[in-house]
Protein backbone atom coordinates (compact mmCIF):
# COMPACT_ATOMS: atom_id res chain seq x y z
CA MET A 1 -17.38 13.85 -33.25
CA LEU A 2 -16.71 11.71 -30.40
CA THR A 3 -14.72 13.14 -28.13
CA LEU A 4 -13.48 12.22 -24.20
CA SER A 5 -13.83 14.16 -21.11
CA ASP A 6 -12.14 17.37 -20.13
CA SER A 7 -9.79 15.60 -17.99
CA TYR A 8 -8.71 12.91 -20.36
CA LYS A 9 -8.38 14.93 -23.61
CA ASN A 10 -4.56 14.76 -23.53
CA GLY A 11 -4.47 11.23 -22.03
CA VAL A 12 -5.15 9.59 -18.77
CA THR A 13 -2.69 11.44 -15.87
CA SER A 14 -0.47 8.83 -14.41
CA SER A 15 1.11 8.65 -11.37
CA PRO A 16 5.28 9.01 -11.03
CA ILE A 17 5.98 5.46 -10.31
CA ARG A 18 4.10 4.75 -13.61
CA ARG A 19 6.03 7.18 -15.64
CA ILE A 20 9.35 5.91 -14.22
CA MET A 21 8.36 2.60 -14.71
CA GLU A 22 7.61 3.55 -18.24
CA MET A 23 11.05 4.99 -18.70
CA ALA A 24 12.84 1.69 -17.44
CA SER A 25 10.79 -0.69 -19.89
CA ARG A 26 12.56 -2.72 -22.06
CA SER A 27 12.21 -1.05 -25.01
CA ASN A 28 12.80 2.42 -23.81
CA LEU A 29 15.90 0.96 -22.30
CA VAL A 30 17.05 -0.48 -25.61
CA LYS A 31 16.39 3.17 -26.80
CA MET A 32 19.09 4.44 -24.20
CA GLY A 33 21.50 2.07 -24.94
CA LEU A 34 20.97 0.11 -22.00
CA ASN A 35 20.76 -3.63 -21.88
CA PRO A 36 17.39 -4.81 -19.93
CA ASP A 37 19.00 -7.65 -18.57
CA GLU A 38 21.72 -5.81 -16.74
CA VAL A 39 19.40 -3.11 -15.32
CA ILE A 40 18.76 -3.33 -11.78
CA SER A 41 15.55 -1.92 -10.25
CA PHE A 42 14.68 -0.72 -6.69
CA ALA A 43 11.42 0.76 -8.40
CA GLY A 44 8.85 -2.11 -7.90
CA GLY A 45 6.57 -2.10 -5.35
CA TRP A 46 5.94 -5.87 -5.47
CA VAL A 47 6.69 -8.43 -3.28
CA ASN A 48 8.60 -11.97 -4.62
CA HIS A 49 8.24 -14.88 -1.98
CA GLU A 50 6.76 -17.61 -3.26
CA ALA A 51 3.05 -18.01 -2.28
CA PRO A 52 2.19 -20.65 0.26
CA GLU A 53 2.28 -24.24 -1.01
CA GLU A 54 -0.90 -24.91 0.77
CA LEU A 55 -2.76 -22.29 -0.88
CA ARG A 56 -1.45 -23.61 -4.35
CA GLN A 57 -2.72 -26.92 -3.39
CA GLU A 58 -6.15 -25.54 -2.74
CA TYR A 59 -6.36 -24.47 -6.35
CA ILE A 60 -5.12 -27.47 -7.75
CA ASP A 61 -7.94 -29.55 -5.41
CA ILE A 62 -10.62 -27.37 -6.82
CA ALA A 63 -9.77 -27.81 -10.16
CA GLN A 64 -9.28 -31.33 -10.31
CA ASP A 65 -12.79 -31.63 -8.32
CA ARG A 66 -15.51 -31.06 -11.26
CA SER A 67 -18.49 -30.13 -9.07
CA LEU A 68 -16.05 -27.47 -6.99
CA PHE A 69 -14.68 -26.17 -10.19
CA HIS A 70 -18.25 -26.13 -11.40
CA ARG A 71 -19.50 -23.96 -8.37
CA THR A 72 -16.26 -21.31 -9.01
CA GLY A 73 -18.19 -20.41 -12.40
CA GLY A 74 -20.94 -19.19 -10.17
CA TYR A 75 -21.51 -15.87 -8.91
CA SER A 76 -20.54 -15.20 -5.12
CA ASP A 77 -22.56 -12.73 -2.85
CA SER A 78 -22.03 -9.29 -3.84
CA ASP A 79 -20.15 -8.23 -0.75
CA GLY A 80 -18.35 -11.27 -0.82
CA SER A 81 -18.81 -14.96 0.70
CA PRO A 82 -19.61 -15.25 4.34
CA GLU A 83 -17.28 -18.35 4.55
CA LEU A 84 -14.43 -16.09 3.39
CA LYS A 85 -15.72 -13.13 5.90
CA LYS A 86 -15.46 -15.50 8.58
CA ALA A 87 -11.91 -16.67 7.84
CA LEU A 88 -10.70 -13.10 7.36
CA LEU A 89 -12.04 -12.34 10.94
CA ASP A 90 -10.10 -15.52 12.18
CA PHE A 91 -7.10 -14.65 10.44
CA ASN A 92 -7.05 -11.31 12.44
CA SER A 93 -8.20 -12.49 15.63
CA GLN A 94 -5.79 -15.34 15.93
CA LEU A 95 -2.83 -13.88 14.45
CA TYR A 96 -3.03 -10.44 15.72
CA GLY A 97 -5.70 -10.59 18.34
CA ILE A 98 -7.93 -7.76 16.16
CA ASN A 99 -11.61 -8.24 17.10
CA SER A 100 -12.88 -5.39 15.75
CA SER A 101 -15.54 -6.41 13.26
CA THR A 102 -17.98 -8.52 12.58
CA GLU A 103 -19.32 -10.37 9.41
CA GLU A 104 -21.97 -7.64 8.34
CA ASN A 105 -18.77 -5.07 8.49
CA ILE A 106 -16.66 -6.54 5.90
CA ILE A 107 -17.23 -6.30 1.98
CA ILE A 108 -14.96 -8.36 -0.06
CA GLY A 109 -13.80 -6.53 -3.39
CA ALA A 110 -11.71 -7.10 -6.40
CA ASN A 111 -8.70 -5.66 -4.72
CA SER A 112 -7.98 -2.77 -2.56
CA THR A 113 -7.38 -0.34 -5.46
CA GLN A 114 -10.92 -1.21 -6.55
CA LEU A 115 -12.65 -0.81 -3.08
CA THR A 116 -10.46 2.69 -2.52
CA PHE A 117 -12.16 3.85 -5.75
CA SER A 118 -15.38 2.69 -4.76
CA LEU A 119 -14.86 4.54 -1.40
CA PHE A 120 -14.23 7.68 -3.18
CA LYS A 121 -17.68 7.63 -5.20
CA ILE A 122 -19.98 6.93 -1.74
CA LEU A 123 -18.11 9.32 0.27
CA LEU A 124 -16.94 12.27 -1.81
CA ASN A 125 -18.74 14.90 -3.86
CA PRO A 126 -16.50 16.72 -6.16
CA ASP A 127 -16.10 19.80 -4.08
CA ASP A 128 -15.40 17.98 -0.84
CA LYS A 129 -11.73 17.43 -0.02
CA LEU A 130 -9.40 14.68 0.39
CA LEU A 131 -6.56 14.79 2.85
CA LEU A 132 -3.62 13.10 2.35
CA PHE A 133 -0.23 13.33 4.69
CA ASP A 134 3.03 14.78 3.30
CA PRO A 135 4.51 12.04 1.90
CA ALA A 136 1.54 9.75 0.83
CA TYR A 137 1.37 6.85 -1.53
CA ALA A 138 1.59 8.17 -5.03
CA ASN A 139 -1.50 6.57 -6.63
CA TYR A 140 -3.87 7.99 -4.19
CA PRO A 141 -4.28 11.52 -6.12
CA GLU A 142 -4.48 9.61 -9.38
CA GLN A 143 -7.38 7.34 -8.47
CA LEU A 144 -9.30 10.31 -6.96
CA GLN A 145 -8.48 12.28 -10.60
CA THR A 146 -9.69 9.15 -12.27
CA CYS A 147 -12.87 8.89 -10.01
CA MET A 148 -14.01 12.40 -9.67
CA ASN A 149 -12.45 14.49 -12.40
CA THR A 150 -10.97 16.49 -9.99
CA GLN A 151 -7.78 16.45 -7.40
CA ASN A 152 -9.71 18.58 -4.22
CA ILE A 153 -6.56 17.67 -1.87
CA VAL A 154 -5.20 19.14 1.07
CA TYR A 155 -1.77 17.79 2.66
CA PHE A 156 -0.67 17.70 6.26
CA PRO A 157 2.83 17.81 6.52
CA LEU A 158 4.09 14.54 8.70
CA PHE A 159 7.35 14.36 7.59
CA ASP A 160 10.27 16.48 8.98
CA ALA A 161 12.66 16.52 5.60
CA GLU A 162 15.32 18.54 7.86
CA ASN A 163 15.71 15.25 10.34
CA TRP A 164 14.61 13.08 7.46
CA THR A 165 11.61 11.13 9.50
CA PHE A 166 8.36 11.56 10.95
CA VAL A 167 7.80 14.73 13.36
CA SER A 168 8.90 13.81 16.43
CA ASP A 169 6.51 15.74 18.64
CA GLU A 170 3.49 13.72 18.44
CA SER A 171 1.29 16.00 20.90
CA ALA A 172 2.31 19.44 19.02
CA LEU A 173 1.93 17.29 15.74
CA ALA A 174 -1.78 16.51 16.82
CA ASP A 175 -2.53 20.06 18.08
CA GLU A 176 -1.37 21.58 14.66
CA PHE A 177 -3.35 18.70 12.99
CA GLU A 178 -6.56 19.78 14.99
CA ILE A 179 -6.33 23.58 13.49
CA PHE A 180 -5.66 22.42 10.17
CA MET A 181 -8.59 20.26 10.53
CA GLU A 182 -10.83 23.15 11.72
CA ARG A 183 -9.72 25.45 8.57
CA GLU A 184 -9.91 22.84 5.54
CA ARG A 185 -12.60 20.42 6.85
CA PRO A 186 -11.79 17.54 4.87
CA LYS A 187 -14.54 14.70 4.01
CA LEU A 188 -11.79 11.82 4.27
CA ILE A 189 -8.78 11.05 5.34
CA LEU A 190 -6.61 8.31 3.65
CA PHE A 191 -3.29 7.11 4.69
CA SER A 192 -1.33 3.69 4.80
CA SER A 193 0.63 2.00 7.84
CA PRO A 194 3.33 0.68 7.74
CA ASP A 195 3.67 3.66 5.03
CA ASN A 196 4.44 3.44 1.57
CA PRO A 197 6.84 5.58 0.84
CA THR A 198 8.93 5.59 4.10
CA GLY A 199 8.38 2.41 5.42
CA MET A 200 7.62 3.51 8.79
CA ILE A 201 4.61 3.07 10.82
CA LEU A 202 2.76 6.38 11.81
CA PRO A 203 3.05 7.43 15.24
CA ASP A 204 0.37 6.02 17.49
CA VAL A 205 -0.36 9.21 19.84
CA PHE A 206 -0.60 11.32 16.58
CA VAL A 207 -2.95 8.82 14.83
CA ASN A 208 -5.07 8.28 17.98
CA ARG A 209 -5.48 12.08 18.37
CA MET A 210 -6.27 12.10 14.73
CA LEU A 211 -8.93 9.53 15.19
CA ASP A 212 -10.82 11.89 17.86
CA VAL A 213 -10.32 15.18 15.81
CA ALA A 214 -11.78 13.54 12.69
CA LEU A 215 -14.88 12.57 14.29
CA LYS A 216 -15.15 15.59 15.86
CA TYR A 217 -15.35 17.43 12.29
CA ASP A 218 -17.56 14.41 10.67
CA CYS A 219 -14.73 13.20 8.38
CA TYR A 220 -13.97 9.70 7.73
CA VAL A 221 -10.86 7.93 8.16
CA ALA A 222 -9.42 5.38 5.88
CA MET A 223 -6.52 3.44 7.05
CA ASP A 224 -4.69 1.29 4.18
CA PHE A 225 -3.10 -1.73 5.86
CA ALA A 226 -1.92 -3.30 2.72
CA TYR A 227 1.61 -3.86 4.56
CA TYR A 228 0.17 -4.93 7.94
CA THR A 229 1.85 -8.37 8.05
CA PHE A 230 4.97 -7.13 7.35
CA LEU A 231 6.64 -5.48 10.77
CA TYR A 232 10.26 -5.22 11.69
CA GLY A 233 10.88 -5.34 15.46
CA LYS A 234 7.62 -3.71 16.25
CA GLU A 235 4.10 -4.47 17.68
CA LEU A 236 1.10 -3.37 15.89
CA PRO A 237 -0.03 0.19 17.22
CA SER A 238 -2.90 0.99 19.18
CA TYR A 239 -4.86 2.12 16.51
CA PHE A 240 -5.10 -0.99 14.72
CA PHE A 241 -7.34 -2.17 17.10
CA SER A 242 -9.58 0.88 16.98
CA SER A 243 -13.30 -0.14 16.00
CA HIS A 244 -15.90 1.16 13.85
CA LYS A 245 -18.04 0.64 17.17
CA GLU A 246 -16.13 3.43 18.96
CA TYR A 247 -15.23 5.29 15.66
CA PRO A 248 -18.31 5.45 13.39
CA ASN A 249 -16.28 7.23 10.76
CA LEU A 250 -13.30 4.42 10.52
CA ILE A 251 -12.52 2.13 7.50
CA LYS A 252 -9.87 -0.25 7.28
CA ILE A 253 -8.79 -1.42 4.14
CA PHE A 254 -6.87 -4.56 3.45
CA SER A 255 -5.82 -7.25 0.53
CA ASN A 256 -4.17 -10.31 0.15
CA SER A 257 -1.71 -9.00 -2.66
CA LYS A 258 1.33 -8.94 -0.29
CA TRP A 259 1.46 -11.24 2.63
CA CYS A 260 0.48 -14.35 0.41
CA ARG A 261 2.00 -13.08 -3.07
CA GLY A 262 -1.64 -12.44 -4.55
CA LEU A 263 -0.77 -9.83 -6.70
CA GLY A 264 -2.24 -11.42 -9.69
CA ARG A 265 -4.68 -13.50 -7.84
CA ARG A 266 -6.50 -10.27 -6.55
CA LEU A 267 -8.84 -9.50 -3.74
CA GLY A 268 -9.13 -6.98 -1.09
CA TRP A 269 -11.71 -6.35 1.49
CA ILE A 270 -13.20 -3.33 3.88
CA GLU A 271 -14.21 -3.09 7.33
CA ALA A 272 -16.64 -0.57 8.27
CA SER A 273 -19.97 0.23 9.82
CA ALA A 274 -22.77 -1.67 8.50
CA THR A 275 -24.25 1.39 6.48
CA ILE A 276 -20.82 2.08 4.70
CA VAL A 277 -20.43 -1.57 3.90
CA GLN A 278 -24.18 -1.81 2.38
CA THR A 279 -23.57 1.48 0.34
CA LEU A 280 -20.40 -0.17 -1.14
CA LYS A 281 -22.12 -3.31 -1.64
CA VAL A 282 -24.49 -1.24 -4.12
CA VAL A 283 -21.97 0.37 -5.94
CA GLN A 284 -19.94 -2.93 -6.32
CA GLN A 285 -22.88 -4.30 -8.22
CA SER A 286 -22.30 -1.88 -10.59
CA VAL A 287 -18.40 -2.05 -10.86
CA ILE A 288 -17.60 -5.53 -10.69
CA LEU A 289 -21.12 -7.35 -9.69
CA CYS A 290 -19.13 -9.66 -7.28
CA PRO A 291 -15.49 -10.55 -6.19
CA ASP A 292 -13.96 -13.72 -7.84
CA THR A 293 -15.30 -17.02 -6.80
CA LEU A 294 -12.42 -19.28 -7.38
CA HIS A 295 -10.12 -17.07 -5.47
CA GLN A 296 -12.53 -16.47 -2.23
CA MET A 297 -12.84 -20.22 -2.39
CA ALA A 298 -9.32 -21.55 -2.32
CA LEU A 299 -8.26 -18.54 0.26
CA THR A 300 -11.19 -19.42 2.47
CA ASN A 301 -9.98 -23.34 2.43
CA TYR A 302 -6.48 -22.31 3.09
CA ILE A 303 -7.07 -19.98 5.81
CA ASN A 304 -9.54 -22.31 7.78
CA LYS A 305 -7.06 -24.89 7.50
CA GLY A 306 -3.68 -23.11 8.04
CA LEU A 307 -5.07 -21.52 11.25
CA LYS A 308 -6.03 -25.09 12.42
CA ASP A 309 -2.91 -26.62 11.97
CA GLY A 310 -0.48 -23.43 12.43
CA SER A 311 0.86 -23.48 9.02
CA ILE A 312 -0.47 -20.21 8.15
CA LYS A 313 1.13 -18.60 11.09
CA ASP A 314 4.74 -20.08 10.64
CA TYR A 315 4.43 -19.04 7.01
CA ILE A 316 3.81 -15.35 7.92
CA LYS A 317 6.64 -15.44 10.42
CA ARG A 318 9.34 -17.08 7.99
CA ILE A 319 8.53 -14.64 5.14
CA ASN A 320 8.12 -11.60 7.59
CA ASP A 321 11.97 -12.59 8.82
CA ASP A 322 13.08 -12.76 5.17
CA TYR A 323 12.05 -9.06 4.38
CA GLU A 324 13.17 -8.09 7.65
CA SER A 325 16.57 -9.61 6.98
CA ALA A 326 16.45 -7.80 3.27
CA SER A 327 15.69 -4.62 4.90
CA ASN A 328 18.66 -4.62 7.00
CA PHE A 329 20.88 -5.33 4.36
CA LEU A 330 18.99 -2.80 2.38
CA CYS A 331 19.72 -0.38 5.18
CA TYR A 332 23.24 -1.55 5.47
CA CYS A 333 23.99 -0.82 1.74
CA ILE A 334 22.44 2.70 1.50
CA GLU A 335 24.64 3.77 4.52
CA LYS A 336 27.84 2.32 3.00
CA TYR A 337 27.21 3.14 -0.37
CA LEU A 338 24.74 6.16 -0.83
CA SER A 339 23.60 8.60 2.19
CA SER A 340 23.36 8.34 5.80
CA ARG A 341 19.94 10.28 5.87
CA TYR A 342 17.37 7.40 5.20
CA THR A 343 14.27 6.15 6.95
CA ILE A 344 14.81 2.84 8.39
CA PRO A 345 12.07 0.51 7.58
CA GLU A 346 9.31 -0.42 10.52
CA GLY A 347 7.22 -2.44 8.05
CA GLY A 348 6.55 -2.70 4.29
CA LEU A 349 9.09 -2.74 1.36
CA TYR A 350 10.64 0.92 1.07
CA SER A 351 12.88 3.55 2.38
CA VAL A 352 13.37 6.77 1.36
CA VAL A 353 16.65 8.23 1.01
CA ASP A 354 17.91 12.01 1.12
CA VAL A 355 20.44 11.90 -2.06
CA GLY A 356 20.75 15.99 -1.67
CA MET A 357 19.36 16.82 -5.23
CA ASP A 358 16.24 16.61 -6.99
CA GLY A 359 15.06 13.46 -7.32
CA ASP A 360 13.48 13.25 -10.62
CA GLU A 361 17.15 14.50 -11.82
CA PHE A 362 18.88 11.75 -9.42
CA VAL A 363 16.58 9.23 -10.77
CA ALA A 364 16.97 9.83 -14.54
CA GLU A 365 20.98 10.71 -14.39
CA MET A 366 21.06 7.01 -12.37
CA LEU A 367 19.33 5.14 -14.87
CA LYS A 368 21.40 6.72 -17.63
CA LYS A 369 24.80 6.02 -15.88
CA THR A 370 24.65 3.15 -13.96
CA GLY A 371 21.21 1.12 -15.43
CA VAL A 372 19.89 1.10 -11.72
CA VAL A 373 16.13 2.15 -11.14
CA PHE A 374 14.85 4.29 -8.26
CA VAL A 375 11.39 6.07 -7.79
CA PRO A 376 11.74 10.03 -7.42
CA GLY A 377 10.63 11.01 -3.98
CA GLY A 378 8.71 14.30 -5.02
CA GLY A 379 5.59 12.73 -6.54
CA PHE A 380 4.86 11.54 -2.84
CA GLY A 381 5.02 14.77 -1.77
CA GLY A 382 7.04 17.94 -1.43
CA SER A 383 8.83 17.10 1.59
CA LEU A 384 10.95 14.36 -0.43
CA LYS A 385 11.60 16.45 -3.40
CA ASN A 386 15.19 15.79 -2.78
CA GLY A 387 14.66 11.88 -2.02
CA ILE A 388 14.18 8.58 -3.59
CA ARG A 389 12.15 6.06 -2.72
CA ILE A 390 13.90 2.20 -2.32
CA SER A 391 11.87 -0.77 -2.60
CA PHE A 392 13.52 -4.15 -1.86
CA GLY A 393 10.55 -6.26 -2.55
CA PRO A 394 11.41 -7.68 -5.67
CA LEU A 395 15.06 -8.49 -4.73
CA VAL A 396 14.38 -10.06 -1.00
CA TYR A 397 16.19 -13.34 -1.98
CA ASP A 398 19.38 -11.43 -4.37
CA LYS A 399 21.17 -9.62 -1.56
CA ALA A 400 23.97 -9.57 -3.85
CA LYS A 401 22.11 -7.65 -6.55
CA ILE A 402 21.06 -5.18 -3.83
CA GLU A 403 24.75 -4.19 -2.85
CA GLU A 404 25.62 -4.44 -6.85
CA GLY A 405 23.03 -1.94 -7.41
CA PHE A 406 24.38 0.58 -4.85
CA ILE A 407 28.14 -0.05 -5.83
CA ARG A 408 27.18 0.91 -9.28
CA VAL A 409 25.69 4.44 -7.85
CA SER A 410 28.52 4.94 -5.73
CA LYS A 411 30.84 4.98 -8.54
CA VAL A 412 29.31 8.06 -9.98
CA PHE A 413 27.66 10.01 -6.90
CA ASN A 414 29.20 11.38 -4.43
CA ARG A 415 27.92 10.21 -0.84
CA VAL A 416 25.62 12.66 1.27
CA SER A 417 27.17 13.97 4.24
């Protein structure tokens, strides 16, 4: 008889986000007696601005040119096209002043999710520990389970649930972290900044100390920069400029999914030491063979032209301003209708709110009674057990619907003092 591995006999494990999205599917909403068209969702972790018109035009130009379109049907290099690598370096250099890599330190993949999965493959053995912060992006444990058939994860608490923010004493936190590292000896640290789910930027002093401590204990550090083009009133912290030359254990993960709304036109890339890049290239040849040639060609042309005429800088500023405005309005609604305990987004798409009760129960009750969908906080870490994650990404241009969702909830929920 054909059987699945032990980890999958009862079906693939799923993250809390995926479970709540399944609960909020049209078919399930109908079963619950709700009209799917009247449901308001704050659960989606995706952006809803339009991609740059200049990028769309690149696809048109390629499709209309028989020779260029023929080229898109060919393989690119397994680690991505040299032209796109140079364009990505120029993008970070000219827009953000980040000059920490060269072309030999970049590998382009199908997306950042695939590249993170491949990182697990090359860096971790089944008995090696992955260190995540509490809270952390809910998909990381599921990815590790899928990749390694295990979840050998240790969590370091970064969030102060009593004050509902990151721990404020960065030096003391760093001291605790070094003790934790000496005891647990993880092989890889993985985190996002700006953070999913809190929307906050990890503290500068702490992360810089963490990099030194990780190097001391031969531990890799992977920073997921999915939201680094979305910053609200803050500059990039100093650790964004850290280099693998200074820290050979440092890995930076990037994606085009958010800033140019490439969620479905997926590309990702990693910046790391040449050794890591070359090892990833070998794995990539077995996983995807090569990244998509059409997407690489269009993105390369768009970046090169956009940097030259300044349009890409203007586009990113405009989009950033739109999301900052939505973030400010979200905070206004949370404060007015729901709770005074929430994180103020410093970047990204999210805030986490203390609802004073089990987040899973709150989400299920609100969906049933109000038709409003949130994500329970507990799936991101124990510190958020009484919290929910709220995403304003899909509703960035619909503030009326944002407020309507909170008004509905306020009618059935007593505000947290």
